[in-house]
Amino acid sequence: MKYCDGQVCQLGDIVSLSGKTGNVVVDIDGDQYGGNLEYSVEQWTYLGAGVMINFESYGLIHYTEPEQDLILLHRTGETD
């Protein structure tokens, strides 16, 4: 999946949705999973496509297309 600005979503991305922060814990498109049992390939691959984002306020949300106000705030490994 891509954000509305065209950047590809990646595992570990920190995002904002309506002012609430979350992080990408599963990238089904990129075949990347969070590494623990909660976010394992066996648990989420059945969805077929997209990403799973865990928001403290909203919980775990599956996206195949981004919402307009889903914004990438920080990418793991990037320096400020």
PDB file of N, CA and C in Angstrom:
ATOM      1  N   MET A   1       0.836  -1.172   0.000  1.00  0.00           N
ATOM      2  CA  MET A   1       0.000   0.000   0.000  1.00  0.00           C
ATOM      3  C   MET A   1       0.883   1.239   0.000  1.00  0.00           C
ATOM      4  N   LYS A   2       0.365   2.299  -0.568  1.00  0.00           N
ATOM      5  CA  LYS A   2       1.064   3.581  -0.555  1.00  0.00           C
ATOM      6  C   LYS A   2       0.248   4.601   0.210  1.00  0.00           C
ATOM      7  N   TYR A   3       0.965   5.531   0.844  1.00  0.00           N
ATOM      8  CA  TYR A   3       0.302   6.677   1.452  1.00  0.00           C
ATOM      9  C   TYR A   3      -0.213   7.577   0.331  1.00  0.00           C
ATOM     10  N   CYS A   4      -1.077   8.499   0.653  1.00  0.00           N
ATOM     11  CA  CYS A   4      -1.641   9.396  -0.364  1.00  0.00           C
ATOM     12  C   CYS A   4      -0.582  10.232  -1.072  1.00  0.00           C
ATOM     13  N   ASP A   5       0.578  10.439  -0.414  1.00  0.00           N
ATOM     14  CA  ASP A   5       1.650  11.210  -1.056  1.00  0.00           C
ATOM     15  C   ASP A   5       2.517  10.351  -1.974  1.00  0.00           C
ATOM     16  N   GLY A   6       2.189   9.058  -2.106  1.00  0.00           N
ATOM     17  CA  GLY A   6       2.903   8.178  -3.019  1.00  0.00           C
ATOM     18  C   GLY A   6       4.001   7.331  -2.396  1.00  0.00           C
ATOM     19  N   GLN A   7       4.381   7.606  -1.156  1.00  0.00           N
ATOM     20  CA  GLN A   7       5.407   6.798  -0.488  1.00  0.00           C
ATOM     21  C   GLN A   7       4.830   5.433  -0.119  1.00  0.00           C
ATOM     22  N   VAL A   8       5.648   4.407  -0.226  1.00  0.00           N
ATOM     23  CA  VAL A   8       5.222   3.052   0.105  1.00  0.00           C
ATOM     24  C   VAL A   8       5.230   2.864   1.613  1.00  0.00           C
ATOM     25  N   CYS A   9       4.165   2.286   2.160  1.00  0.00           N
ATOM     26  CA  CYS A   9       4.106   1.954   3.588  1.00  0.00           C
ATOM     27  C   CYS A   9       5.115   0.855   3.881  1.00  0.00           C
ATOM     28  N   GLN A  10       5.781   0.961   5.024  1.00  0.00           N
ATOM     29  CA  GLN A  10       6.762  -0.034   5.429  1.00  0.00           C
ATOM     30  C   GLN A  10       6.585  -0.393   6.897  1.00  0.00           C
ATOM     31  N   LEU A  11       6.980  -1.613   7.233  1.00  0.00           N
ATOM     32  CA  LEU A  11       6.953  -2.071   8.609  1.00  0.00           C
ATOM     33  C   LEU A  11       7.751  -1.099   9.482  1.00  0.00           C
ATOM     34  N   GLY A  12       7.173  -0.704  10.607  1.00  0.00           N
ATOM     35  CA  GLY A  12       7.856   0.198  11.531  1.00  0.00           C
ATOM     36  C   GLY A  12       7.545   1.668  11.329  1.00  0.00           C
ATOM     37  N   ASP A  13       6.878   2.026  10.230  1.00  0.00           N
ATOM     38  CA  ASP A  13       6.524   3.428  10.017  1.00  0.00           C
ATOM     39  C   ASP A  13       5.680   3.940  11.170  1.00  0.00           C
ATOM     40  N   ILE A  14       5.942   5.173  11.590  1.00  0.00           N
ATOM     41  CA  ILE A  14       5.119   5.874  12.564  1.00  0.00           C
ATOM     42  C   ILE A  14       4.213   6.805  11.768  1.00  0.00           C
ATOM     43  N   VAL A  15       2.915   6.697  12.006  1.00  0.00           N
ATOM     44  CA  VAL A  15       1.942   7.433  11.210  1.00  0.00           C
ATOM     45  C   VAL A  15       0.996   8.220  12.105  1.00  0.00           C
ATOM     46  N   SER A  16       0.254   9.121  11.473  1.00  0.00           N
ATOM     47  CA  SER A  16      -0.774   9.888  12.161  1.00  0.00           C
ATOM     48  C   SER A  16      -2.086   9.729  11.400  1.00  0.00           C
ATOM     49  N   LEU A  17      -3.173   9.560  12.145  1.00  0.00           N
ATOM     50  CA  LEU A  17      -4.516   9.515  11.569  1.00  0.00           C
ATOM     51  C   LEU A  17      -5.408  10.384  12.445  1.00  0.00           C
ATOM     52  N   SER A  18      -5.883  11.471  11.883  1.00  0.00           N
ATOM     53  CA  SER A  18      -6.732  12.411  12.630  1.00  0.00           C
ATOM     54  C   SER A  18      -6.072  12.841  13.936  1.00  0.00           C
ATOM     55  N   GLY A  19      -4.761  13.043  13.897  1.00  0.00           N
ATOM     56  CA  GLY A  19      -4.021  13.503  15.056  1.00  0.00           C
ATOM     57  C   GLY A  19      -3.621  12.416  16.045  1.00  0.00           C
ATOM     58  N   LYS A  20      -3.993  11.174  15.768  1.00  0.00           N
ATOM     59  CA  LYS A  20      -3.647  10.048  16.639  1.00  0.00           C
ATOM     60  C   LYS A  20      -2.498   9.265  16.016  1.00  0.00           C
ATOM     61  N   THR A  21      -1.509   8.900  16.825  1.00  0.00           N
ATOM     62  CA  THR A  21      -0.308   8.230  16.347  1.00  0.00           C
ATOM     63  C   THR A  21      -0.466   6.714  16.382  1.00  0.00           C
ATOM     64  N   GLY A  22       0.120   6.076  15.361  1.00  0.00           N
ATOM     65  CA  GLY A  22       0.141   4.619  15.302  1.00  0.00           C
ATOM     66  C   GLY A  22       1.408   4.157  14.616  1.00  0.00           C
ATOM     67  N   ASN A  23       1.596   2.826  14.565  1.00  0.00           N
ATOM     68  CA  ASN A  23       2.751   2.312  13.832  1.00  0.00           C
ATOM     69  C   ASN A  23       2.352   1.097  13.004  1.00  0.00           C
ATOM     70  N   VAL A  24       3.022   0.964  11.870  1.00  0.00           N
ATOM     71  CA  VAL A  24       2.771  -0.147  10.957  1.00  0.00           C
ATOM     72  C   VAL A  24       3.419  -1.390  11.560  1.00  0.00           C
ATOM     73  N   VAL A  25       2.585  -2.386  11.902  1.00  0.00           N
ATOM     74  CA  VAL A  25       3.082  -3.594  12.548  1.00  0.00           C
ATOM     75  C   VAL A  25       3.084  -4.802  11.613  1.00  0.00           C
ATOM     76  N   VAL A  26       2.369  -4.707  10.490  1.00  0.00           N
ATOM     77  CA  VAL A  26       2.347  -5.768   9.485  1.00  0.00           C
ATOM     78  C   VAL A  26       2.299  -5.114   8.110  1.00  0.00           C
ATOM     79  N   ASP A  27       3.176  -5.552   7.215  1.00  0.00           N
ATOM     80  CA  ASP A  27       3.176  -5.105   5.821  1.00  0.00           C
ATOM     81  C   ASP A  27       2.970  -6.348   4.959  1.00  0.00           C
ATOM     82  N   ILE A  28       1.714  -6.662   4.693  1.00  0.00           N
ATOM     83  CA  ILE A  28       1.391  -7.864   3.933  1.00  0.00           C
ATOM     84  C   ILE A  28       1.947  -7.756   2.515  1.00  0.00           C
ATOM     85  N   ASP A  29       1.831  -6.585   1.893  1.00  0.00           N
ATOM     86  CA  ASP A  29       2.339  -6.379   0.540  1.00  0.00           C
ATOM     87  C   ASP A  29       3.839  -6.641   0.458  1.00  0.00           C
ATOM     88  N   GLY A  30       4.585  -6.197   1.467  1.00  0.00           N
ATOM     89  CA  GLY A  30       6.037  -6.366   1.503  1.00  0.00           C
ATOM     90  C   GLY A  30       6.483  -7.642   2.187  1.00  0.00           C
ATOM     91  N   ASP A  31       5.519  -8.471   2.617  1.00  0.00           N
ATOM     92  CA  ASP A  31       5.800  -9.727   3.311  1.00  0.00           C
ATOM     93  C   ASP A  31       6.680  -9.507   4.542  1.00  0.00           C
ATOM     94  N   GLN A  32       6.336  -8.478   5.324  1.00  0.00           N
ATOM     95  CA  GLN A  32       7.061  -8.167   6.551  1.00  0.00           C
ATOM     96  C   GLN A  32       6.078  -8.156   7.707  1.00  0.00           C
ATOM     97  N   TYR A  33       6.443  -8.863   8.755  1.00  0.00           N
ATOM     98  CA  TYR A  33       5.568  -9.020   9.913  1.00  0.00           C
ATOM     99  C   TYR A  33       6.336  -8.644  11.169  1.00  0.00           C
ATOM    100  N   GLY A  34       5.611  -8.153  12.186  1.00  0.00           N
ATOM    101  CA  GLY A  34       6.198  -7.588  13.395  1.00  0.00           C
ATOM    102  C   GLY A  34       7.129  -8.477  14.183  1.00  0.00           C
ATOM    103  N   GLY A  35       7.184  -9.752  13.910  1.00  0.00           N
ATOM    104  CA  GLY A  35       8.171 -10.596  14.558  1.00  0.00           C
ATOM    105  C   GLY A  35       7.715 -11.311  15.805  1.00  0.00           C
ATOM    106  N   ASN A  36       6.612 -10.895  16.398  1.00  0.00           N
ATOM    107  CA  ASN A  36       6.132 -11.651  17.549  1.00  0.00           C
ATOM    108  C   ASN A  36       4.843 -12.376  17.169  1.00  0.00           C
ATOM    109  N   LEU A  37       4.335 -13.190  18.058  1.00  0.00           N
ATOM    110  CA  LEU A  37       3.161 -14.009  17.738  1.00  0.00           C
ATOM    111  C   LEU A  37       1.932 -13.181  17.389  1.00  0.00           C
ATOM    112  N   GLU A  38       1.794 -12.021  17.997  1.00  0.00           N
ATOM    113  CA  GLU A  38       0.640 -11.172  17.729  1.00  0.00           C
ATOM    114  C   GLU A  38       0.604 -10.693  16.278  1.00  0.00           C
ATOM    115  N   TYR A  39       1.764 -10.505  15.668  1.00  0.00           N
ATOM    116  CA  TYR A  39       1.845  -9.993  14.305  1.00  0.00           C
ATOM    117  C   TYR A  39       2.547 -10.986  13.383  1.00  0.00           C
ATOM    118  N   SER A  40       2.256 -12.252  13.513  1.00  0.00           N
ATOM    119  CA  SER A  40       2.932 -13.289  12.733  1.00  0.00           C
ATOM    120  C   SER A  40       2.308 -13.451  11.348  1.00  0.00           C
ATOM    121  N   VAL A  41       3.086 -13.995  10.430  1.00  0.00           N
ATOM    122  CA  VAL A  41       2.604 -14.273   9.079  1.00  0.00           C
ATOM    123  C   VAL A  41       1.400 -15.213   9.134  1.00  0.00           C
ATOM    124  N   GLU A  42       1.439 -16.180  10.012  1.00  0.00           N
ATOM    125  CA  GLU A  42       0.333 -17.136  10.126  1.00  0.00           C
ATOM    126  C   GLU A  42      -0.967 -16.450  10.561  1.00  0.00           C
ATOM    127  N   GLN A  43      -0.838 -15.416  11.362  1.00  0.00           N
ATOM    128  CA  GLN A  43      -2.010 -14.712  11.889  1.00  0.00           C
ATOM    129  C   GLN A  43      -2.666 -13.800  10.858  1.00  0.00           C
ATOM    130  N   TRP A  44      -1.885 -13.150   9.984  1.00  0.00           N
ATOM    131  CA  TRP A  44      -2.422 -12.070   9.161  1.00  0.00           C
ATOM    132  C   TRP A  44      -2.333 -12.255   7.656  1.00  0.00           C
ATOM    133  N   THR A  45      -1.621 -13.252   7.159  1.00  0.00           N
ATOM    134  CA  THR A  45      -1.454 -13.399   5.712  1.00  0.00           C
ATOM    135  C   THR A  45      -2.774 -13.645   4.982  1.00  0.00           C
ATOM    136  N   TYR A  46      -3.774 -14.182   5.672  1.00  0.00           N
ATOM    137  CA  TYR A  46      -5.071 -14.457   5.039  1.00  0.00           C
ATOM    138  C   TYR A  46      -5.734 -13.196   4.483  1.00  0.00           C
ATOM    139  N   LEU A  47      -5.338 -12.020   4.981  1.00  0.00           N
ATOM    140  CA  LEU A  47      -5.921 -10.768   4.498  1.00  0.00           C
ATOM    141  C   LEU A  47      -5.520 -10.467   3.057  1.00  0.00           C
ATOM    142  N   GLY A  48      -4.400 -11.029   2.609  1.00  0.00           N
ATOM    143  CA  GLY A  48      -4.021 -10.963   1.204  1.00  0.00           C
ATOM    144  C   GLY A  48      -3.260  -9.739   0.754  1.00  0.00           C
ATOM    145  N   ALA A  49      -3.560  -8.569   1.291  1.00  0.00           N
ATOM    146  CA  ALA A  49      -2.900  -7.342   0.835  1.00  0.00           C
ATOM    147  C   ALA A  49      -3.043  -6.269   1.901  1.00  0.00           C
ATOM    148  N   GLY A  50      -2.206  -5.241   1.771  1.00  0.00           N
ATOM    149  CA  GLY A  50      -2.315  -4.077   2.633  1.00  0.00           C
ATOM    150  C   GLY A  50      -1.362  -4.084   3.804  1.00  0.00           C
ATOM    151  N   VAL A  51      -1.720  -3.286   4.804  1.00  0.00           N
ATOM    152  CA  VAL A  51      -0.928  -3.154   6.020  1.00  0.00           C
ATOM    153  C   VAL A  51      -1.855  -3.187   7.224  1.00  0.00           C
ATOM    154  N   MET A  52      -1.264  -3.515   8.377  1.00  0.00           N
ATOM    155  CA  MET A  52      -1.965  -3.424   9.657  1.00  0.00           C
ATOM    156  C   MET A  52      -1.273  -2.324  10.450  1.00  0.00           C
ATOM    157  N   ILE A  53      -2.062  -1.403  10.954  1.00  0.00           N
ATOM    158  CA  ILE A  53      -1.521  -0.303  11.745  1.00  0.00           C
ATOM    159  C   ILE A  53      -2.136  -0.365  13.131  1.00  0.00           C
ATOM    160  N   ASN A  54      -1.283  -0.306  14.148  1.00  0.00           N
ATOM    161  CA  ASN A  54      -1.742  -0.332  15.528  1.00  0.00           C
ATOM    162  C   ASN A  54      -1.744   1.094  16.077  1.00  0.00           C
ATOM    163  N   PHE A  55      -2.941   1.577  16.380  1.00  0.00           N
ATOM    164  CA  PHE A  55      -3.116   2.896  16.978  1.00  0.00           C
ATOM    165  C   PHE A  55      -3.464   2.724  18.444  1.00  0.00           C
ATOM    166  N   GLU A  56      -2.816   3.508  19.298  1.00  0.00           N
ATOM    167  CA  GLU A  56      -3.120   3.450  20.724  1.00  0.00           C
ATOM    168  C   GLU A  56      -4.587   3.801  20.969  1.00  0.00           C
ATOM    169  N   SER A  57      -5.117   4.763  20.227  1.00  0.00           N
ATOM    170  CA  SER A  57      -6.498   5.213  20.432  1.00  0.00           C
ATOM    171  C   SER A  57      -7.539   4.351  19.725  1.00  0.00           C
ATOM    172  N   TYR A  58      -7.207   3.822  18.534  1.00  0.00           N
ATOM    173  CA  TYR A  58      -8.183   3.101  17.719  1.00  0.00           C
ATOM    174  C   TYR A  58      -8.001   1.590  17.744  1.00  0.00           C
ATOM    175  N   GLY A  59      -6.835   1.125  18.127  1.00  0.00           N
ATOM    176  CA  GLY A  59      -6.525  -0.299  18.055  1.00  0.00           C
ATOM    177  C   GLY A  59      -5.918  -0.665  16.711  1.00  0.00           C
ATOM    178  N   LEU A  60      -6.029  -1.921  16.342  1.00  0.00           N
ATOM    179  CA  LEU A  60      -5.419  -2.458  15.130  1.00  0.00           C
ATOM    180  C   LEU A  60      -6.373  -2.284  13.950  1.00  0.00           C
ATOM    181  N   ILE A  61      -5.902  -1.630  12.882  1.00  0.00           N
ATOM    182  CA  ILE A  61      -6.724  -1.379  11.694  1.00  0.00           C
ATOM    183  C   ILE A  61      -6.008  -1.918  10.467  1.00  0.00           C
ATOM    184  N   HIS A  62      -6.763  -2.624   9.609  1.00  0.00           N
ATOM    185  CA  HIS A  62      -6.245  -3.144   8.345  1.00  0.00           C
ATOM    186  C   HIS A  62      -6.607  -2.173   7.227  1.00  0.00           C
ATOM    187  N   TYR A  63      -5.601  -1.819   6.426  1.00  0.00           N
ATOM    188  CA  TYR A  63      -5.817  -0.938   5.278  1.00  0.00           C
ATOM    189  C   TYR A  63      -5.329  -1.607   4.005  1.00  0.00           C
ATOM    190  N   THR A  64      -6.113  -1.500   2.943  1.00  0.00           N
ATOM    191  CA  THR A  64      -5.629  -1.842   1.604  1.00  0.00           C
ATOM    192  C   THR A  64      -5.486  -0.572   0.775  1.00  0.00           C
ATOM    193  N   GLU A  65      -6.184   0.474   1.193  1.00  0.00           N
ATOM    194  CA  GLU A  65      -6.078   1.809   0.602  1.00  0.00           C
ATOM    195  C   GLU A  65      -5.984   2.802   1.758  1.00  0.00           C
ATOM    196  N   PRO A  66      -5.173   3.846   1.608  1.00  0.00           N
ATOM    197  CA  PRO A  66      -5.006   4.787   2.720  1.00  0.00           C
ATOM    198  C   PRO A  66      -6.192   5.737   2.857  1.00  0.00           C
ATOM    199  N   GLU A  67      -6.447   6.160   4.078  1.00  0.00           N
ATOM    200  CA  GLU A  67      -7.382   7.253   4.304  1.00  0.00           C
ATOM    201  C   GLU A  67      -6.657   8.545   3.948  1.00  0.00           C
ATOM    202  N   GLN A  68      -7.402   9.573   3.555  1.00  0.00           N
ATOM    203  CA  GLN A  68      -6.791  10.844   3.142  1.00  0.00           C
ATOM    204  C   GLN A  68      -5.920  11.458   4.228  1.00  0.00           C
ATOM    205  N   ASP A  69      -6.309  11.285   5.497  1.00  0.00           N
ATOM    206  CA  ASP A  69      -5.549  11.917   6.574  1.00  0.00           C
ATOM    207  C   ASP A  69      -4.574  10.969   7.263  1.00  0.00           C
ATOM    208  N   LEU A  70      -4.242   9.843   6.618  1.00  0.00           N
ATOM    209  CA  LEU A  70      -3.193   8.947   7.114  1.00  0.00           C
ATOM    210  C   LEU A  70      -1.853   9.477   6.607  1.00  0.00           C
ATOM    211  N   ILE A  71      -1.010   9.912   7.525  1.00  0.00           N
ATOM    212  CA  ILE A  71       0.234  10.606   7.157  1.00  0.00           C
ATOM    213  C   ILE A  71       1.431   9.907   7.784  1.00  0.00           C
ATOM    214  N   LEU A  72       2.471   9.707   6.991  1.00  0.00           N
ATOM    215  CA  LEU A  72       3.738   9.186   7.490  1.00  0.00           C
ATOM    216  C   LEU A  72       4.446  10.274   8.283  1.00  0.00           C
ATOM    217  N   LEU A  73       4.738   9.993   9.549  1.00  0.00           N
ATOM    218  CA  LEU A  73       5.460  10.940  10.396  1.00  0.00           C
ATOM    219  C   LEU A  73       6.950  10.635  10.446  1.00  0.00           C
ATOM    220  N   HIS A  74       7.287   9.345  10.542  1.00  0.00           N
ATOM    221  CA  HIS A  74       8.678   8.957  10.708  1.00  0.00           C
ATOM    222  C   HIS A  74       8.873   7.535  10.213  1.00  0.00           C
ATOM    223  N   ARG A  75       9.968   7.313   9.534  1.00  0.00           N
ATOM    224  CA  ARG A  75      10.305   5.990   9.054  1.00  0.00           C
ATOM    225  C   ARG A  75      11.488   5.442   9.853  1.00  0.00           C
ATOM    226  N   THR A  76      11.387   4.193  10.318  1.00  0.00           N
ATOM    227  CA  THR A  76      12.464   3.551  11.066  1.00  0.00           C
ATOM    228  C   THR A  76      13.755   3.628  10.264  1.00  0.00           C
ATOM    229  N   GLY A  77      14.826   4.031  10.926  1.00  0.00           N
ATOM    230  CA  GLY A  77      16.124   4.130  10.255  1.00  0.00           C
ATOM    231  C   GLY A  77      16.433   5.492   9.692  1.00  0.00           C
ATOM    232  N   GLU A  78      15.413   6.375   9.603  1.00  0.00           N
ATOM    233  CA  GLU A  78      15.673   7.731   9.134  1.00  0.00           C
ATOM    234  C   GLU A  78      16.174   8.585  10.273  1.00  0.00           C
ATOM    235  N   THR A  79      17.030   9.500   9.954  1.00  0.00           N
ATOM    236  CA  THR A  79      17.502  10.464  10.960  1.00  0.00           C
ATOM    237  C   THR A  79      16.778  11.770  10.742  1.00  0.00           C
ATOM    238  N   ASP A  80      16.575  12.505  11.810  1.00  0.00           N
ATOM    239  CA  ASP A  80      15.866  13.792  11.714  1.00  0.00           C
ATOM    240  C   ASP A  80      16.785  14.907  11.329  1.00  0.00           C
TER     241      ASP A  80
END
